[in-house]
Amino acid sequence: MLIKNVQIVNEGKIIQSDLRIKNAFIEKIGKDLTALPNEKIIDGKGKYLLPGAIDDQVHFREPGLTHKATIATESRAAVAGGITSFMEMPNTVPNTLTQELLADKYLIASKTSVANYSFFMGASNDNIEEVLKTDPSNVCGVKIFMGSSTGNMLVDNESVLEGIFSKTPMLIATHCEDEATIRHNTEIYREKYGEKVPFSAHPKIRSAEACYISSSFAVNLAKKHGSRLHILHISTAKELELFEIKPLSEKRITAEACIHHLWFDDRSYEEKGAFIKWNPAVKSKADKEAIIEAVKSGKIDVIATDHAPHTFEEKSGSYFQAPSGGPLVQHAIPAMLEYVKKGIFDLPLVVNKMSHQPAKLFEIDRRGFIREGYYADLVLVNPNVSTKVTKENILYQCGWSPFEGTTFSHTIENTWVNGHMVWDNGQIIDDKMGERLLFTR
């Protein structure tokens, strides 16, 4: 396949060129490439070609919670949104706390995922032996919930945390919220409102203080033991004090921002309510603006989604009934492209934070860049055709989106995974599955 006259966005530059895909790889990049016999030609004039996004934090719910989502459904929504690789979290049912359960998820994905995939090994207070069996060459990392979680996944035993941080040779990803602070705040609001706590109280219950206490504890542990720490979904200005502005190659401690913390703030609860209830909470306008600036400065290394779908019925409950989390993979790149149009980000920055930096941070083999010899994980974007998010074009199994009713100025026309077109102008082509991500560490 030959893509002609397209604006390639890669490694800080935008250049007009042609690109040839052969089998799973990018074979040639150059101007005025001559079409080969029987080669399909894609006209890229006036369009952008991006490396596929790599989402380092999703919850695809399988196994165990498949009434909310499956790897099959959510991977299709992901490629429709230009995300070609994902890393999925271990708080499924059962929790991914053994090597056997981890292998089960890889088997499901090999049969049903149209995107490339990796799965985090989960940590608990009593499974460090299983954690240490994890192979760094074909598993993205170890996930620790240092805050509320599903089942047996809250790790709050300090000696266990010391053990994991001192003994784990691979990347440790953490959810950081202090459980004691959250419980204390919950009781204050329950006494005040009973069961009718307003959703606007969520960032006060799961407060900036709760985030900072836990994040700073994780950073101190990592510094003490020289651990490779990646803190997920930063939601507060205060936490940004914990991170440095320097090249990724020089960092042992890195940070992630998520789409919802970049897009929404506490003024959004009045309209959206439970549908923007996430953990950590969407917080103040000042927090959002600080996170945006940290993405620009380099304090924050990657942009991800924390895609975590629940059914519409589940989300329609009261504050204590409605679970936290929401679906985002289909609309993450369109939302960030909207920030490009508004002048908040530039296009090479978005590509850097959603493709290049995740590939470098996790040391992924031959992905995340538009380079000859790399896998052809690619996204063709039309900046001249808008897309309105409606129930009819939402691909999430849960059938709703916090962006419903939003019109994005760009359209994702095509997505390729390993050289195979999986999204073509509104249609999924799922006759070939994605591949397991491999790591060069």
Protein backbone atom coordinates (compact mmCIF):
# COMPACT_ATOMS: atom_id res chain seq x y z
CA MET A 1 0.00 0.00 0.00
CA LEU A 2 1.31 3.46 -0.89
CA ILE A 3 0.15 6.63 0.89
CA LYS A 4 0.86 9.64 -1.37
CA ASN A 5 1.43 13.36 -0.65
CA VAL A 6 0.63 13.14 3.06
CA GLN A 7 1.81 15.39 5.90
CA ILE A 8 3.84 13.02 8.10
CA VAL A 9 3.98 14.12 11.76
CA ASN A 10 6.98 12.52 13.39
CA GLU A 11 9.81 13.37 15.80
CA GLY A 12 8.99 17.07 16.09
CA LYS A 13 8.51 17.74 12.37
CA ILE A 14 5.75 17.81 9.78
CA ILE A 15 6.97 16.88 6.30
CA GLN A 16 5.12 16.16 3.06
CA SER A 17 6.10 12.76 1.75
CA ASP A 18 4.96 9.38 0.49
CA LEU A 19 5.04 6.21 2.58
CA ARG A 20 5.00 2.57 1.52
CA ILE A 21 3.61 -0.20 3.73
CA LYS A 22 4.84 -3.71 2.98
CA ASN A 23 3.54 -6.60 5.06
CA ALA A 24 3.61 -5.44 8.71
CA PHE A 25 6.21 -2.70 8.29
CA ILE A 26 6.97 0.75 6.95
CA GLU A 27 9.23 -0.11 4.01
CA LYS A 28 9.97 3.29 2.50
CA ILE A 29 9.46 7.00 3.25
CA GLY A 30 10.27 9.48 0.49
CA LYS A 31 8.95 11.95 -2.05
CA ASP A 32 7.56 10.86 -5.41
CA LEU A 33 7.63 7.13 -4.76
CA THR A 34 6.50 5.18 -7.83
CA ALA A 35 3.59 2.82 -7.32
CA LEU A 36 4.38 -0.86 -7.72
CA PRO A 37 2.17 -3.20 -9.80
CA ASN A 38 -1.07 -4.04 -7.93
CA GLU A 39 -0.20 -1.60 -5.14
CA LYS A 40 -3.16 0.15 -3.53
CA ILE A 41 -2.75 3.93 -3.46
CA ILE A 42 -4.19 6.16 -0.72
CA ASP A 43 -4.41 9.89 -1.49
CA GLY A 44 -3.09 11.71 1.57
CA LYS A 45 -3.24 15.24 0.18
CA GLY A 46 -4.31 17.73 2.84
CA LYS A 47 -4.23 15.04 5.53
CA TYR A 48 -1.92 14.12 8.42
CA LEU A 49 -0.27 10.76 8.97
CA LEU A 50 0.48 10.07 12.64
CA PRO A 51 2.12 7.10 14.34
CA GLY A 52 -0.57 5.09 16.11
CA ALA A 53 -1.13 6.15 19.70
CA ILE A 54 0.07 3.86 22.49
CA ASP A 55 -2.29 4.01 25.48
CA ASP A 56 -0.46 2.93 28.62
CA GLN A 57 -3.55 2.72 30.81
CA VAL A 58 -6.87 1.07 29.94
CA HIS A 59 -9.41 -1.12 31.72
CA PHE A 60 -11.05 -3.39 29.13
CA ARG A 61 -12.92 -5.39 31.83
CA GLU A 62 -12.26 -8.92 30.55
CA PRO A 63 -12.39 -11.41 32.16
CA GLY A 64 -15.20 -11.13 34.67
CA LEU A 65 -16.95 -7.82 33.93
CA THR A 66 -17.87 -8.41 30.32
CA HIS A 67 -21.31 -6.82 30.73
CA LYS A 68 -19.36 -3.51 30.75
CA ALA A 69 -16.80 -4.19 28.00
CA THR A 70 -14.60 -6.82 26.37
CA ILE A 71 -11.15 -6.77 24.84
CA ALA A 72 -12.87 -7.30 21.48
CA THR A 73 -15.25 -4.33 21.74
CA GLU A 74 -12.88 -1.84 23.31
CA SER A 75 -9.93 -2.64 21.03
CA ARG A 76 -12.22 -1.84 18.09
CA ALA A 77 -13.20 1.47 19.67
CA ALA A 78 -9.49 2.14 20.25
CA VAL A 79 -8.43 1.68 16.62
CA ALA A 80 -11.39 3.79 15.48
CA GLY A 81 -9.83 6.51 17.64
CA GLY A 82 -6.30 6.00 16.32
CA ILE A 83 -4.96 4.02 19.30
CA THR A 84 -3.08 1.06 17.85
CA SER A 85 -1.56 -0.40 21.05
CA PHE A 86 -2.84 -0.60 24.63
CA MET A 87 -1.63 -1.70 28.05
CA GLU A 88 -4.41 -3.05 30.23
CA MET A 89 -4.72 -2.99 33.99
CA PRO A 90 -5.00 -5.97 36.38
CA ASN A 91 -8.17 -5.07 38.34
CA THR A 92 -10.32 -7.42 36.29
CA VAL A 93 -12.26 -10.28 37.90
CA PRO A 94 -10.41 -12.30 39.01
CA ASN A 95 -7.61 -9.81 39.70
CA THR A 96 -4.49 -10.53 37.64
CA LEU A 97 -2.34 -11.64 40.57
CA THR A 98 -0.80 -14.86 39.22
CA GLN A 99 1.22 -15.65 36.10
CA GLU A 100 -1.52 -18.07 35.02
CA LEU A 101 -4.21 -15.38 35.15
CA LEU A 102 -1.89 -13.01 33.28
CA ALA A 103 -1.39 -15.64 30.56
CA ASP A 104 -5.16 -16.09 30.29
CA LYS A 105 -5.58 -12.42 29.32
CA TYR A 106 -2.89 -12.65 26.67
CA LEU A 107 -4.68 -15.68 25.21
CA ILE A 108 -8.01 -13.81 25.04
CA ALA A 109 -6.35 -10.82 23.35
CA SER A 110 -4.55 -12.98 20.79
CA LYS A 111 -7.94 -14.21 19.59
CA THR A 112 -10.04 -11.03 19.86
CA SER A 113 -7.98 -7.80 19.93
CA VAL A 114 -7.62 -5.84 16.69
CA ALA A 115 -5.07 -3.58 18.43
CA ASN A 116 -1.65 -4.56 19.76
CA TYR A 117 -1.70 -5.37 23.46
CA SER A 118 0.12 -5.81 26.72
CA PHE A 119 -1.14 -6.47 30.25
CA PHE A 120 0.19 -5.30 33.60
CA MET A 121 0.91 -7.83 36.32
CA GLY A 122 -1.01 -6.95 39.48
CA ALA A 123 0.42 -6.57 42.97
CA SER A 124 -1.31 -7.30 46.26
CA ASN A 125 -0.24 -7.49 49.90
CA ASP A 126 0.62 -11.18 49.51
CA ASN A 127 1.79 -12.04 45.96
CA ILE A 128 5.34 -10.68 45.67
CA GLU A 129 6.67 -14.12 44.60
CA GLU A 130 4.31 -14.06 41.60
CA VAL A 131 5.21 -10.45 40.79
CA LEU A 132 8.92 -11.31 40.66
CA LYS A 133 8.27 -14.07 38.07
CA THR A 134 7.11 -11.46 35.52
CA ASP A 135 9.13 -11.36 32.29
CA PRO A 136 10.20 -7.75 31.46
CA SER A 137 10.69 -8.62 27.77
CA ASN A 138 7.02 -9.35 27.09
CA VAL A 139 5.04 -7.70 29.95
CA CYS A 140 4.70 -3.91 30.17
CA GLY A 141 5.05 -3.57 33.94
CA VAL A 142 3.75 -4.16 37.44
CA LYS A 143 0.73 -2.19 38.67
CA ILE A 144 0.24 -1.17 42.30
CA PHE A 145 -2.97 0.39 43.59
CA MET A 146 -1.82 2.62 46.46
CA GLY A 147 -5.45 3.61 47.02
CA SER A 148 -8.94 2.14 46.63
CA SER A 149 -9.28 -0.71 44.18
CA THR A 150 -11.26 -3.79 43.22
CA GLY A 151 -10.96 -6.99 45.24
CA ASN A 152 -7.57 -7.72 46.78
CA MET A 153 -5.55 -5.05 44.98
CA LEU A 154 -5.12 -2.29 47.58
CA VAL A 155 -1.47 -2.50 48.64
CA ASP A 156 -1.24 -0.63 51.93
CA ASN A 157 1.29 -2.75 53.84
CA GLU A 158 4.48 -0.68 54.01
CA SER A 159 6.80 -3.67 54.29
CA VAL A 160 5.19 -5.19 51.18
CA LEU A 161 5.64 -1.91 49.30
CA GLU A 162 9.28 -1.78 50.40
CA GLY A 163 9.70 -5.32 49.07
CA ILE A 164 8.12 -4.58 45.70
CA PHE A 165 10.04 -1.32 45.19
CA SER A 166 13.37 -2.87 46.25
CA LYS A 167 13.11 -6.16 44.35
CA THR A 168 11.16 -5.46 41.15
CA PRO A 169 13.56 -4.92 38.22
CA MET A 170 10.90 -3.68 35.80
CA LEU A 171 8.67 -0.61 35.60
CA ILE A 172 6.26 -0.10 38.50
CA ALA A 173 3.09 1.86 37.66
CA THR A 174 1.10 3.27 40.57
CA HIS A 175 -2.37 4.61 41.28
CA CYS A 176 -1.70 7.08 44.10
CA GLU A 177 -4.47 8.16 46.49
CA ASP A 178 -4.22 7.93 50.28
CA GLU A 179 -6.95 5.61 51.55
CA ALA A 180 -7.12 7.00 55.10
CA THR A 181 -7.64 10.56 53.82
CA ILE A 182 -10.38 9.46 51.45
CA ARG A 183 -12.22 7.54 54.18
CA HIS A 184 -12.02 10.53 56.54
CA ASN A 185 -13.35 12.91 53.86
CA THR A 186 -16.10 10.45 52.92
CA GLU A 187 -17.43 10.39 56.46
CA ILE A 188 -17.48 14.20 56.62
CA TYR A 189 -19.62 14.42 53.47
CA ARG A 190 -21.81 11.46 54.46
CA GLU A 191 -22.61 13.19 57.76
CA LYS A 192 -23.48 16.38 55.91
CA TYR A 193 -25.53 14.93 53.02
CA GLY A 194 -26.38 11.35 54.01
CA GLU A 195 -26.63 9.27 50.84
CA LYS A 196 -27.31 12.35 48.67
CA VAL A 197 -23.74 13.59 48.35
CA PRO A 198 -23.46 15.80 45.22
CA PHE A 199 -21.01 14.71 42.52
CA SER A 200 -19.32 18.09 42.87
CA ALA A 201 -17.99 16.82 46.23
CA HIS A 202 -15.94 14.11 44.52
CA PRO A 203 -12.75 16.22 44.20
CA LYS A 204 -13.10 17.21 47.85
CA ILE A 205 -13.55 13.62 49.01
CA ARG A 206 -10.76 12.28 46.80
CA SER A 207 -8.81 15.42 47.47
CA ALA A 208 -5.56 16.92 46.23
CA GLU A 209 -4.12 16.14 49.65
CA ALA A 210 -5.01 12.44 49.28
CA CYS A 211 -3.20 12.36 45.93
CA TYR A 212 -0.10 14.19 47.13
CA ILE A 213 0.34 12.11 50.30
CA SER A 214 0.35 8.92 48.24
CA SER A 215 2.34 10.20 45.23
CA SER A 216 5.08 11.69 47.41
CA PHE A 217 5.29 8.41 49.37
CA ALA A 218 5.72 6.48 46.09
CA VAL A 219 8.37 8.91 44.85
CA ASN A 220 10.31 8.61 48.13
CA LEU A 221 10.19 4.81 47.94
CA ALA A 222 11.43 4.88 44.35
CA LYS A 223 14.29 7.25 45.20
CA LYS A 224 15.26 5.11 48.19
CA HIS A 225 15.45 1.91 46.14
CA GLY A 226 16.34 3.28 42.69
CA SER A 227 13.07 1.86 41.32
CA ARG A 228 11.68 2.60 37.87
CA LEU A 229 8.44 4.36 38.87
CA HIS A 230 5.65 5.63 36.61
CA ILE A 231 2.84 7.52 38.38
CA LEU A 232 -0.46 7.29 36.55
CA HIS A 233 -3.19 9.94 36.01
CA ILE A 234 -1.75 13.01 37.75
CA SER A 235 -4.72 15.18 38.72
CA THR A 236 -3.32 18.02 40.85
CA ALA A 237 -0.97 20.99 40.54
CA LYS A 238 0.61 20.05 43.87
CA GLU A 239 1.84 16.66 42.64
CA LEU A 240 3.76 18.32 39.81
CA GLU A 241 6.35 19.44 42.37
CA LEU A 242 7.47 15.79 42.49
CA PHE A 243 8.65 15.65 38.86
CA GLU A 244 11.57 17.08 36.92
CA ILE A 245 11.99 18.67 33.51
CA LYS A 246 14.73 16.67 31.80
CA PRO A 247 15.03 14.17 28.94
CA LEU A 248 13.06 10.97 29.38
CA SER A 249 16.26 8.93 29.00
CA GLU A 250 17.56 10.52 32.22
CA LYS A 251 14.44 9.86 34.30
CA ARG A 252 13.77 7.01 36.73
CA ILE A 253 10.48 8.59 37.85
CA THR A 254 7.90 9.53 35.20
CA ALA A 255 4.32 10.82 35.10
CA GLU A 256 1.17 10.48 33.03
CA ALA A 257 -1.72 12.85 32.33
CA CYS A 258 -5.12 11.57 31.25
CA ILE A 259 -7.59 13.01 28.76
CA HIS A 260 -10.29 13.74 31.36
CA HIS A 261 -7.94 15.70 33.62
CA LEU A 262 -6.82 17.74 30.60
CA TRP A 263 -10.35 18.40 29.28
CA PHE A 264 -12.79 18.64 32.21
CA ASP A 265 -12.64 20.47 35.56
CA ASP A 266 -14.87 20.84 38.61
CA ARG A 267 -17.22 23.19 36.74
CA SER A 268 -18.19 20.21 34.56
CA TYR A 269 -19.87 18.24 37.39
CA GLU A 270 -23.04 20.30 37.17
CA GLU A 271 -23.69 19.10 33.60
CA LYS A 272 -21.94 15.72 33.55
CA GLY A 273 -22.31 14.42 37.14
CA ALA A 274 -21.42 10.73 37.44
CA PHE A 275 -20.29 10.63 33.81
CA ILE A 276 -17.06 12.46 34.73
CA LYS A 277 -16.64 10.69 38.07
CA TRP A 278 -13.14 9.19 37.93
CA ASN A 279 -10.53 8.17 40.48
CA PRO A 280 -8.48 10.29 40.94
CA ALA A 281 -11.16 12.94 40.65
CA VAL A 282 -11.41 15.65 38.01
CA LYS A 283 -10.38 18.68 40.07
CA SER A 284 -10.15 22.47 39.72
CA LYS A 285 -9.60 24.66 36.68
CA ALA A 286 -6.22 25.63 38.19
CA ASP A 287 -5.25 21.96 38.47
CA LYS A 288 -6.26 21.34 34.84
CA GLU A 289 -4.26 24.33 33.61
CA ALA A 290 -1.22 23.23 35.62
CA ILE A 291 -1.40 19.73 34.09
CA ILE A 292 -1.63 21.23 30.58
CA GLU A 293 1.48 23.32 31.27
CA ALA A 294 3.29 20.26 32.68
CA VAL A 295 2.57 18.34 29.47
CA LYS A 296 4.12 21.21 27.51
CA SER A 297 7.15 21.61 29.79
CA GLY A 298 8.02 17.92 29.98
CA LYS A 299 7.27 17.36 33.65
CA ILE A 300 4.54 15.01 32.42
CA ASP A 301 5.82 12.44 29.96
CA VAL A 302 2.77 10.78 28.38
CA ILE A 303 -0.93 11.33 27.69
CA ALA A 304 -3.18 8.29 28.22
CA THR A 305 -6.89 7.61 28.75
CA ASP A 306 -7.55 5.47 31.86
CA HIS A 307 -10.43 4.14 29.74
CA ALA A 308 -12.70 2.45 32.30
CA PRO A 309 -16.26 1.82 31.05
CA HIS A 310 -19.35 1.14 33.13
CA THR A 311 -22.88 0.67 31.89
CA PHE A 312 -25.17 3.67 31.58
CA GLU A 313 -27.42 2.12 34.24
CA GLU A 314 -24.53 1.77 36.69
CA LYS A 315 -23.51 5.37 36.07
CA SER A 316 -27.07 6.59 36.62
CA GLY A 317 -26.99 5.85 40.35
CA SER A 318 -26.40 8.22 43.24
CA TYR A 319 -22.91 9.36 44.30
CA PHE A 320 -22.11 6.26 46.37
CA GLN A 321 -23.77 3.89 43.88
CA ALA A 322 -22.24 5.20 40.64
CA PRO A 323 -18.82 3.63 40.02
CA SER A 324 -15.84 5.74 38.98
CA GLY A 325 -14.47 5.62 35.45
CA GLY A 326 -15.58 6.21 31.89
CA PRO A 327 -14.85 5.28 28.26
CA LEU A 328 -12.30 7.38 26.35
CA VAL A 329 -10.20 5.44 23.80
CA GLN A 330 -12.32 6.33 20.74
CA HIS A 331 -12.16 10.07 21.42
CA ALA A 332 -8.75 10.68 23.00
CA ILE A 333 -6.86 11.71 19.85
CA PRO A 334 -9.81 13.78 18.53
CA ALA A 335 -9.93 15.65 21.87
CA MET A 336 -6.21 16.41 21.77
CA LEU A 337 -6.44 17.45 18.10
CA GLU A 338 -9.10 19.90 19.22
CA TYR A 339 -6.52 21.35 21.61
CA VAL A 340 -4.20 21.68 18.60
CA LYS A 341 -6.84 23.64 16.73
CA LYS A 342 -7.36 25.90 19.76
CA GLY A 343 -3.61 26.54 20.03
CA ILE A 344 -3.28 24.85 23.42
CA PHE A 345 -0.94 22.13 22.08
CA ASP A 346 0.85 21.75 18.78
CA LEU A 347 0.53 18.62 16.66
CA PRO A 348 4.11 17.30 17.12
CA LEU A 349 3.67 17.63 20.91
CA VAL A 350 0.49 15.51 20.86
CA VAL A 351 2.26 12.87 18.76
CA ASN A 352 5.23 12.96 21.12
CA LYS A 353 3.13 12.45 24.26
CA MET A 354 0.75 9.84 22.81
CA SER A 355 3.11 7.83 20.57
CA HIS A 356 6.85 8.56 20.86
CA GLN A 357 7.13 8.95 24.63
CA PRO A 358 5.08 5.85 25.58
CA ALA A 359 7.24 3.81 23.19
CA LYS A 360 10.44 5.16 24.77
CA LEU A 361 9.16 5.06 28.35
CA PHE A 362 8.19 1.38 28.13
CA GLU A 363 11.03 0.51 25.70
CA ILE A 364 8.63 -0.98 23.15
CA ASP A 365 10.16 -2.79 20.21
CA ARG A 366 9.82 -0.83 16.89
CA ARG A 367 6.63 1.07 17.56
CA GLY A 368 5.55 4.64 18.26
CA PHE A 369 7.49 6.29 15.40
CA ILE A 370 7.15 6.65 11.63
CA ARG A 371 10.49 5.13 10.63
CA GLU A 372 11.55 2.70 7.92
CA GLY A 373 11.70 -0.80 9.40
CA TYR A 374 9.22 0.00 12.17
CA TYR A 375 5.78 -1.61 12.43
CA ALA A 376 3.21 0.18 10.29
CA ASP A 377 0.96 1.33 13.14
CA LEU A 378 -0.43 4.45 11.49
CA VAL A 379 -3.34 6.89 11.61
CA LEU A 380 -4.61 9.05 8.73
CA VAL A 381 -6.35 12.20 9.97
CA ASN A 382 -8.47 14.56 7.88
CA PRO A 383 -8.37 18.04 9.46
CA ASN A 384 -11.07 19.35 7.12
CA VAL A 385 -13.93 17.02 8.06
CA SER A 386 -15.55 17.30 11.49
CA THR A 387 -17.07 14.50 13.56
CA LYS A 388 -19.91 14.82 16.06
CA VAL A 389 -20.00 12.23 18.85
CA THR A 390 -23.43 10.56 18.89
CA LYS A 391 -24.87 7.34 20.27
CA GLU A 392 -24.95 6.01 16.71
CA ASN A 393 -21.17 6.27 16.17
CA ILE A 394 -19.96 5.30 19.65
CA LEU A 395 -18.27 1.88 19.53
CA TYR A 396 -17.86 1.32 23.27
CA GLN A 397 -19.93 -1.62 24.48
CA CYS A 398 -21.37 0.62 27.21
CA GLY A 399 -22.85 2.85 24.49
CA TRP A 400 -22.13 6.26 26.02
CA SER A 401 -19.33 8.83 26.12
CA PRO A 402 -18.61 11.90 28.26
CA PHE A 403 -18.00 13.63 24.90
CA GLU A 404 -21.50 12.88 23.59
CA GLY A 405 -22.77 15.91 21.68
CA THR A 406 -19.25 17.30 21.15
CA THR A 407 -18.19 18.10 17.58
CA PHE A 408 -14.50 17.50 16.92
CA SER A 409 -12.93 19.38 14.02
CA HIS A 410 -10.87 16.39 12.77
CA THR A 411 -11.87 12.94 11.50
CA ILE A 412 -9.81 9.77 11.78
CA GLU A 413 -10.21 8.22 8.33
CA ASN A 414 -7.90 5.22 8.47
CA THR A 415 -5.96 3.23 11.05
CA TRP A 416 -3.36 0.56 10.31
CA VAL A 417 -2.13 -2.02 12.84
CA ASN A 418 0.96 -3.97 11.79
CA GLY A 419 0.41 -2.80 8.21
CA HIS A 420 -3.19 -4.04 8.12
CA MET A 421 -5.96 -1.47 7.67
CA VAL A 422 -8.36 -2.02 10.59
CA TRP A 423 -10.42 1.22 10.32
CA ASP A 424 -11.62 2.58 7.00
CA ASN A 425 -13.90 5.63 6.98
CA GLY A 426 -16.25 4.46 9.69
CA GLN A 427 -15.89 0.71 9.18
CA ILE A 428 -13.96 -1.81 11.30
CA ILE A 429 -12.01 -4.45 9.37
CA ASP A 430 -11.36 -7.20 11.89
CA ASP A 431 -10.11 -10.12 9.82
CA LYS A 432 -6.67 -9.92 11.44
CA MET A 433 -5.76 -9.58 15.12
CA GLY A 434 -3.12 -7.36 16.71
CA GLU A 435 0.14 -8.60 18.22
CA ARG A 436 1.61 -8.84 21.70
CA LEU A 437 3.92 -5.93 22.45
CA LEU A 438 7.56 -6.82 23.04
CA PHE A 439 10.07 -4.74 25.01
CA THR A 440 13.78 -4.17 24.45
CA ARG A 441 14.79 -4.20 28.12
